Amino acid sequence: MKTVGAAKFKEQCLALLDRLDPDGLVITKHGKPVAKLIPFERQSASMIGALKDKIEVRGDVFSTGTSWDADAES
């Protein structure tokens, strides 16, 4: 987790918010932690399409790979 001094946080607040990672940011005063800034949890809808063009599907994902006949007797 990244830490930043309060004075630096005050100077660069908006830039730090733009680069905030999921672990958050600890703000310190005189080297001692005084606050923890964590990102607001986003809705899962933002995940839809997140992997588009990043993965490749090979084969038939709707098949188990086993042939069977539902009408055949066991």
PDB file of N, CA and C in Angstrom:
ATOM      1  N   MET A   1       0.841  -1.169   0.000  1.00  0.00           N
ATOM      2  CA  MET A   1       0.000   0.000   0.000  1.00  0.00           C
ATOM      3  C   MET A   1       0.887   1.234   0.000  1.00  0.00           C
ATOM      4  N   LYS A   2       0.529   2.185  -0.810  1.00  0.00           N
ATOM      5  CA  LYS A   2       1.316   3.406  -0.949  1.00  0.00           C
ATOM      6  C   LYS A   2       0.997   4.376   0.191  1.00  0.00           C
ATOM      7  N   THR A   3       2.009   5.104   0.630  1.00  0.00           N
ATOM      8  CA  THR A   3       1.804   6.127   1.647  1.00  0.00           C
ATOM      9  C   THR A   3       2.234   7.481   1.091  1.00  0.00           C
ATOM     10  N   VAL A   4       1.615   8.521   1.608  1.00  0.00           N
ATOM     11  CA  VAL A   4       1.945   9.878   1.183  1.00  0.00           C
ATOM     12  C   VAL A   4       1.749  10.810   2.374  1.00  0.00           C
ATOM     13  N   GLY A   5       2.614  11.786   2.475  1.00  0.00           N
ATOM     14  CA  GLY A   5       2.501  12.772   3.546  1.00  0.00           C
ATOM     15  C   GLY A   5       1.302  13.682   3.317  1.00  0.00           C
ATOM     16  N   ALA A   6       0.760  14.221   4.399  1.00  0.00           N
ATOM     17  CA  ALA A   6      -0.433  15.070   4.312  1.00  0.00           C
ATOM     18  C   ALA A   6      -0.191  16.297   3.442  1.00  0.00           C
ATOM     19  N   ALA A   7       0.969  16.911   3.559  1.00  0.00           N
ATOM     20  CA  ALA A   7       1.261  18.110   2.760  1.00  0.00           C
ATOM     21  C   ALA A   7       1.277  17.771   1.265  1.00  0.00           C
ATOM     22  N   LYS A   8       1.918  16.658   0.921  1.00  0.00           N
ATOM     23  CA  LYS A   8       1.957  16.243  -0.479  1.00  0.00           C
ATOM     24  C   LYS A   8       0.551  15.873  -0.961  1.00  0.00           C
ATOM     25  N   PHE A   9      -0.214  15.216  -0.109  1.00  0.00           N
ATOM     26  CA  PHE A   9      -1.590  14.869  -0.470  1.00  0.00           C
ATOM     27  C   PHE A   9      -2.393  16.132  -0.752  1.00  0.00           C
ATOM     28  N   LYS A  10      -2.223  17.139   0.072  1.00  0.00           N
ATOM     29  CA  LYS A  10      -2.944  18.400  -0.113  1.00  0.00           C
ATOM     30  C   LYS A  10      -2.580  19.029  -1.455  1.00  0.00           C
ATOM     31  N   GLU A  11      -1.303  18.996  -1.819  1.00  0.00           N
ATOM     32  CA  GLU A  11      -0.837  19.602  -3.072  1.00  0.00           C
ATOM     33  C   GLU A  11      -1.311  18.829  -4.293  1.00  0.00           C
ATOM     34  N   GLN A  12      -1.327  17.500  -4.186  1.00  0.00           N
ATOM     35  CA  GLN A  12      -1.564  16.653  -5.353  1.00  0.00           C
ATOM     36  C   GLN A  12      -2.841  15.824  -5.248  1.00  0.00           C
ATOM     37  N   CYS A  13      -3.790  16.279  -4.480  1.00  0.00           N
ATOM     38  CA  CYS A  13      -4.999  15.499  -4.187  1.00  0.00           C
ATOM     39  C   CYS A  13      -5.683  14.960  -5.446  1.00  0.00           C
ATOM     40  N   LEU A  14      -5.993  15.805  -6.404  1.00  0.00           N
ATOM     41  CA  LEU A  14      -6.731  15.357  -7.585  1.00  0.00           C
ATOM     42  C   LEU A  14      -5.930  14.360  -8.410  1.00  0.00           C
ATOM     43  N   ALA A  15      -4.646  14.574  -8.553  1.00  0.00           N
ATOM     44  CA  ALA A  15      -3.802  13.644  -9.308  1.00  0.00           C
ATOM     45  C   ALA A  15      -3.714  12.301  -8.582  1.00  0.00           C
ATOM     46  N   LEU A  16      -3.608  12.321  -7.267  1.00  0.00           N
ATOM     47  CA  LEU A  16      -3.548  11.081  -6.494  1.00  0.00           C
ATOM     48  C   LEU A  16      -4.866  10.310  -6.589  1.00  0.00           C
ATOM     49  N   LEU A  17      -5.976  11.018  -6.608  1.00  0.00           N
ATOM     50  CA  LEU A  17      -7.276  10.366  -6.753  1.00  0.00           C
ATOM     51  C   LEU A  17      -7.397   9.684  -8.114  1.00  0.00           C
ATOM     52  N   ASP A  18      -6.861  10.325  -9.140  1.00  0.00           N
ATOM     53  CA  ASP A  18      -6.905   9.730 -10.485  1.00  0.00           C
ATOM     54  C   ASP A  18      -6.094   8.453 -10.572  1.00  0.00           C
ATOM     55  N   ARG A  19      -5.043   8.338  -9.770  1.00  0.00           N
ATOM     56  CA  ARG A  19      -4.163   7.168  -9.823  1.00  0.00           C
ATOM     57  C   ARG A  19      -4.379   6.203  -8.653  1.00  0.00           C
ATOM     58  N   LEU A  20      -5.458   6.347  -7.937  1.00  0.00           N
ATOM     59  CA  LEU A  20      -5.728   5.520  -6.760  1.00  0.00           C
ATOM     60  C   LEU A  20      -5.923   4.065  -7.161  1.00  0.00           C
ATOM     61  N   ASP A  21      -5.136   3.166  -6.571  1.00  0.00           N
ATOM     62  CA  ASP A  21      -5.268   1.737  -6.888  1.00  0.00           C
ATOM     63  C   ASP A  21      -6.212   1.067  -5.882  1.00  0.00           C
ATOM     64  N   PRO A  22      -6.586  -0.182  -6.128  1.00  0.00           N
ATOM     65  CA  PRO A  22      -7.556  -0.869  -5.260  1.00  0.00           C
ATOM     66  C   PRO A  22      -7.119  -0.993  -3.794  1.00  0.00           C
ATOM     67  N   ASP A  23      -5.818  -0.986  -3.523  1.00  0.00           N
ATOM     68  CA  ASP A  23      -5.343  -1.095  -2.147  1.00  0.00           C
ATOM     69  C   ASP A  23      -5.525   0.193  -1.367  1.00  0.00           C
ATOM     70  N   GLY A  24      -5.681   1.297  -2.066  1.00  0.00           N
ATOM     71  CA  GLY A  24      -5.871   2.575  -1.404  1.00  0.00           C
ATOM     72  C   GLY A  24      -4.568   3.304  -1.138  1.00  0.00           C
ATOM     73  N   LEU A  25      -4.660   4.296  -0.282  1.00  0.00           N
ATOM     74  CA  LEU A  25      -3.545   5.190   0.005  1.00  0.00           C
ATOM     75  C   LEU A  25      -3.579   5.558   1.485  1.00  0.00           C
ATOM     76  N   VAL A  26      -2.447   5.452   2.155  1.00  0.00           N
ATOM     77  CA  VAL A  26      -2.361   5.855   3.562  1.00  0.00           C
ATOM     78  C   VAL A  26      -1.751   7.252   3.614  1.00  0.00           C
ATOM     79  N   ILE A  27      -2.444   8.152   4.299  1.00  0.00           N
ATOM     80  CA  ILE A  27      -1.968   9.527   4.441  1.00  0.00           C
ATOM     81  C   ILE A  27      -1.334   9.650   5.816  1.00  0.00           C
ATOM     82  N   THR A  28      -0.116  10.194   5.842  1.00  0.00           N
ATOM     83  CA  THR A  28       0.634  10.290   7.095  1.00  0.00           C
ATOM     84  C   THR A  28       0.878  11.747   7.480  1.00  0.00           C
ATOM     85  N   LYS A  29       1.084  11.940   8.769  1.00  0.00           N
ATOM     86  CA  LYS A  29       1.499  13.229   9.318  1.00  0.00           C
ATOM     87  C   LYS A  29       2.668  12.958  10.238  1.00  0.00           C
ATOM     88  N   HIS A  30       3.785  13.576   9.938  1.00  0.00           N
ATOM     89  CA  HIS A  30       5.011  13.370  10.715  1.00  0.00           C
ATOM     90  C   HIS A  30       5.383  11.886  10.761  1.00  0.00           C
ATOM     91  N   GLY A  31       5.125  11.190   9.638  1.00  0.00           N
ATOM     92  CA  GLY A  31       5.496   9.784   9.523  1.00  0.00           C
ATOM     93  C   GLY A  31       4.525   8.793  10.144  1.00  0.00           C
ATOM     94  N   LYS A  32       3.452   9.282  10.751  1.00  0.00           N
ATOM     95  CA  LYS A  32       2.482   8.400  11.389  1.00  0.00           C
ATOM     96  C   LYS A  32       1.177   8.393  10.588  1.00  0.00           C
ATOM     97  N   PRO A  33       0.610   7.212  10.342  1.00  0.00           N
ATOM     98  CA  PRO A  33      -0.643   7.142   9.580  1.00  0.00           C
ATOM     99  C   PRO A  33      -1.783   7.854  10.302  1.00  0.00           C
ATOM    100  N   VAL A  34      -2.528   8.676   9.542  1.00  0.00           N
ATOM    101  CA  VAL A  34      -3.675   9.376  10.116  1.00  0.00           C
ATOM    102  C   VAL A  34      -4.969   9.078   9.374  1.00  0.00           C
ATOM    103  N   ALA A  35      -4.850   8.613   8.134  1.00  0.00           N
ATOM    104  CA  ALA A  35      -6.056   8.318   7.350  1.00  0.00           C
ATOM    105  C   ALA A  35      -5.727   7.305   6.265  1.00  0.00           C
ATOM    106  N   LYS A  36      -6.766   6.598   5.843  1.00  0.00           N
ATOM    107  CA  LYS A  36      -6.625   5.667   4.735  1.00  0.00           C
ATOM    108  C   LYS A  36      -7.700   6.013   3.714  1.00  0.00           C
ATOM    109  N   LEU A  37      -7.270   6.246   2.492  1.00  0.00           N
ATOM    110  CA  LEU A  37      -8.175   6.568   1.406  1.00  0.00           C
ATOM    111  C   LEU A  37      -8.323   5.333   0.534  1.00  0.00           C
ATOM    112  N   ILE A  38      -9.561   4.843   0.392  1.00  0.00           N
ATOM    113  CA  ILE A  38      -9.797   3.660  -0.432  1.00  0.00           C
ATOM    114  C   ILE A  38     -10.796   4.022  -1.525  1.00  0.00           C
ATOM    115  N   PRO A  39     -10.688   3.365  -2.676  1.00  0.00           N
ATOM    116  CA  PRO A  39     -11.629   3.685  -3.760  1.00  0.00           C
ATOM    117  C   PRO A  39     -13.036   3.214  -3.428  1.00  0.00           C
ATOM    118  N   PHE A  40     -14.012   3.950  -3.923  1.00  0.00           N
ATOM    119  CA  PHE A  40     -15.411   3.586  -3.760  1.00  0.00           C
ATOM    120  C   PHE A  40     -15.676   2.351  -4.595  1.00  0.00           C
ATOM    121  N   GLU A  41     -16.366   1.363  -4.028  1.00  0.00           N
ATOM    122  CA  GLU A  41     -16.648   0.122  -4.736  1.00  0.00           C
ATOM    123  C   GLU A  41     -17.543   0.393  -5.928  1.00  0.00           C
ATOM    124  N   ARG A  42     -17.076  -0.031  -7.093  1.00  0.00           N
ATOM    125  CA  ARG A  42     -17.844   0.182  -8.318  1.00  0.00           C
ATOM    126  C   ARG A  42     -18.832  -0.955  -8.507  1.00  0.00           C
ATOM    127  N   GLN A  43     -19.878  -0.666  -9.236  1.00  0.00           N
ATOM    128  CA  GLN A  43     -20.884  -1.676  -9.544  1.00  0.00           C
ATOM    129  C   GLN A  43     -20.279  -2.715 -10.482  1.00  0.00           C
ATOM    130  N   SER A  44     -20.725  -3.947 -10.362  1.00  0.00           N
ATOM    131  CA  SER A  44     -20.197  -5.025 -11.189  1.00  0.00           C
ATOM    132  C   SER A  44     -20.550  -4.838 -12.658  1.00  0.00           C
ATOM    133  N   ALA A  45     -21.527  -4.003 -12.978  1.00  0.00           N
ATOM    134  CA  ALA A  45     -21.892  -3.762 -14.375  1.00  0.00           C
ATOM    135  C   ALA A  45     -20.721  -3.180 -15.152  1.00  0.00           C
ATOM    136  N   SER A  46     -19.833  -2.490 -14.467  1.00  0.00           N
ATOM    137  CA  SER A  46     -18.674  -1.921 -15.160  1.00  0.00           C
ATOM    138  C   SER A  46     -17.713  -3.011 -15.618  1.00  0.00           C
ATOM    139  N   MET A  47     -17.876  -4.231 -15.107  1.00  0.00           N
ATOM    140  CA  MET A  47     -17.020  -5.344 -15.500  1.00  0.00           C
ATOM    141  C   MET A  47     -17.448  -5.948 -16.835  1.00  0.00           C
ATOM    142  N   ILE A  48     -18.696  -5.707 -17.240  1.00  0.00           N
ATOM    143  CA  ILE A  48     -19.195  -6.285 -18.484  1.00  0.00           C
ATOM    144  C   ILE A  48     -18.371  -5.758 -19.644  1.00  0.00           C
ATOM    145  N   GLY A  49     -17.799  -6.676 -20.384  1.00  0.00           N
ATOM    146  CA  GLY A  49     -16.988  -6.311 -21.543  1.00  0.00           C
ATOM    147  C   GLY A  49     -15.561  -5.930 -21.210  1.00  0.00           C
ATOM    148  N   ALA A  50     -15.168  -6.019 -19.947  1.00  0.00           N
ATOM    149  CA  ALA A  50     -13.827  -5.595 -19.533  1.00  0.00           C
ATOM    150  C   ALA A  50     -12.721  -6.423 -20.186  1.00  0.00           C
ATOM    151  N   LEU A  51     -13.004  -7.674 -20.545  1.00  0.00           N
ATOM    152  CA  LEU A  51     -11.978  -8.536 -21.144  1.00  0.00           C
ATOM    153  C   LEU A  51     -12.085  -8.633 -22.665  1.00  0.00           C
ATOM    154  N   LYS A  52     -12.954  -7.813 -23.262  1.00  0.00           N
ATOM    155  CA  LYS A  52     -13.113  -7.845 -24.709  1.00  0.00           C
ATOM    156  C   LYS A  52     -11.766  -7.580 -25.375  1.00  0.00           C
ATOM    157  N   ASP A  53     -11.430  -8.393 -26.350  1.00  0.00           N
ATOM    158  CA  ASP A  53     -10.174  -8.305 -27.103  1.00  0.00           C
ATOM    159  C   ASP A  53      -8.944  -8.638 -26.261  1.00  0.00           C
ATOM    160  N   LYS A  54      -9.135  -9.192 -25.057  1.00  0.00           N
ATOM    161  CA  LYS A  54      -8.006  -9.547 -24.204  1.00  0.00           C
ATOM    162  C   LYS A  54      -7.874 -11.054 -24.013  1.00  0.00           C
ATOM    163  N   ILE A  55      -8.938 -11.802 -24.324  1.00  0.00           N
ATOM    164  CA  ILE A  55      -8.885 -13.258 -24.207  1.00  0.00           C
ATOM    165  C   ILE A  55      -9.360 -13.878 -25.515  1.00  0.00           C
ATOM    166  N   GLU A  56      -8.969 -15.119 -25.720  1.00  0.00           N
ATOM    167  CA  GLU A  56      -9.385 -15.847 -26.906  1.00  0.00           C
ATOM    168  C   GLU A  56     -10.034 -17.149 -26.471  1.00  0.00           C
ATOM    169  N   VAL A  57     -11.242 -17.402 -26.954  1.00  0.00           N
ATOM    170  CA  VAL A  57     -11.964 -18.625 -26.621  1.00  0.00           C
ATOM    171  C   VAL A  57     -11.665 -19.650 -27.711  1.00  0.00           C
ATOM    172  N   ARG A  58     -11.217 -20.813 -27.313  1.00  0.00           N
ATOM    173  CA  ARG A  58     -10.919 -21.887 -28.257  1.00  0.00           C
ATOM    174  C   ARG A  58     -11.871 -23.040 -28.004  1.00  0.00           C
ATOM    175  N   GLY A  59     -12.430 -23.580 -29.064  1.00  0.00           N
ATOM    176  CA  GLY A  59     -13.328 -24.721 -28.930  1.00  0.00           C
ATOM    177  C   GLY A  59     -14.730 -24.293 -28.579  1.00  0.00           C
ATOM    178  N   ASP A  60     -15.550 -25.282 -28.281  1.00  0.00           N
ATOM    179  CA  ASP A  60     -16.954 -25.060 -27.963  1.00  0.00           C
ATOM    180  C   ASP A  60     -17.102 -24.961 -26.449  1.00  0.00           C
ATOM    181  N   VAL A  61     -17.366 -23.773 -25.956  1.00  0.00           N
ATOM    182  CA  VAL A  61     -17.475 -23.579 -24.508  1.00  0.00           C
ATOM    183  C   VAL A  61     -18.796 -24.106 -23.951  1.00  0.00           C
ATOM    184  N   PHE A  62     -19.720 -24.484 -24.830  1.00  0.00           N
ATOM    185  CA  PHE A  62     -21.012 -25.000 -24.394  1.00  0.00           C
ATOM    186  C   PHE A  62     -21.061 -26.518 -24.414  1.00  0.00           C
ATOM    187  N   SER A  63     -19.924 -27.169 -24.609  1.00  0.00           N
ATOM    188  CA  SER A  63     -19.887 -28.626 -24.689  1.00  0.00           C
ATOM    189  C   SER A  63     -18.986 -29.180 -23.592  1.00  0.00           C
ATOM    190  N   THR A  64     -19.335 -30.379 -23.125  1.00  0.00           N
ATOM    191  CA  THR A  64     -18.486 -31.052 -22.145  1.00  0.00           C
ATOM    192  C   THR A  64     -17.379 -31.843 -22.829  1.00  0.00           C
ATOM    193  N   GLY A  65     -17.518 -31.996 -24.163  1.00  0.00           N
ATOM    194  CA  GLY A  65     -16.546 -32.778 -24.900  1.00  0.00           C
ATOM    195  C   GLY A  65     -16.907 -34.247 -24.964  1.00  0.00           C
ATOM    196  N   THR A  66     -18.001 -34.640 -24.332  1.00  0.00           N
ATOM    197  CA  THR A  66     -18.440 -36.032 -24.319  1.00  0.00           C
ATOM    198  C   THR A  66     -19.685 -36.174 -25.185  1.00  0.00           C
ATOM    199  N   SER A  67     -19.665 -37.179 -26.077  1.00  0.00           N
ATOM    200  CA  SER A  67     -20.835 -37.454 -26.911  1.00  0.00           C
ATOM    201  C   SER A  67     -21.785 -38.366 -26.150  1.00  0.00           C
ATOM    202  N   TRP A  68     -23.087 -38.137 -26.282  1.00  0.00           N
ATOM    203  CA  TRP A  68     -24.058 -39.013 -25.660  1.00  0.00           C
ATOM    204  C   TRP A  68     -25.389 -38.888 -26.394  1.00  0.00           C
ATOM    205  N   ASP A  69     -26.185 -39.893 -26.231  1.00  0.00           N
ATOM    206  CA  ASP A  69     -27.485 -39.932 -26.866  1.00  0.00           C
ATOM    207  C   ASP A  69     -28.549 -39.997 -25.764  1.00  0.00           C
ATOM    208  N   ALA A  70     -29.361 -38.994 -25.668  1.00  0.00           N
ATOM    209  CA  ALA A  70     -30.365 -38.934 -24.601  1.00  0.00           C
ATOM    210  C   ALA A  70     -31.422 -40.020 -24.754  1.00  0.00           C
ATOM    211  N   ASP A  71     -31.632 -40.521 -25.983  1.00  0.00           N
ATOM    212  CA  ASP A  71     -32.650 -41.537 -26.212  1.00  0.00           C
ATOM    213  C   ASP A  71     -32.137 -42.959 -25.968  1.00  0.00           C
ATOM    214  N   ALA A  72     -30.839 -43.113 -25.875  1.00  0.00           N
ATOM    215  CA  ALA A  72     -30.261 -44.458 -25.699  1.00  0.00           C
ATOM    216  C   ALA A  72     -30.529 -44.957 -24.276  1.00  0.00           C
ATOM    217  N   GLU A  73     -30.735 -46.258 -24.154  1.00  0.00           N
ATOM    218  CA  GLU A  73     -30.934 -46.847 -22.831  1.00  0.00           C
ATOM    219  C   GLU A  73     -29.582 -47.130 -22.201  1.00  0.00           C
ATOM    220  N   SER A  74     -29.508 -47.008 -20.914  1.00  0.00           N
ATOM    221  CA  SER A  74     -28.228 -47.234 -20.246  1.00  0.00           C
ATOM    222  C   SER A  74     -27.988 -48.679 -19.944  1.00  0.00           C
TER     223      SER A  74
END
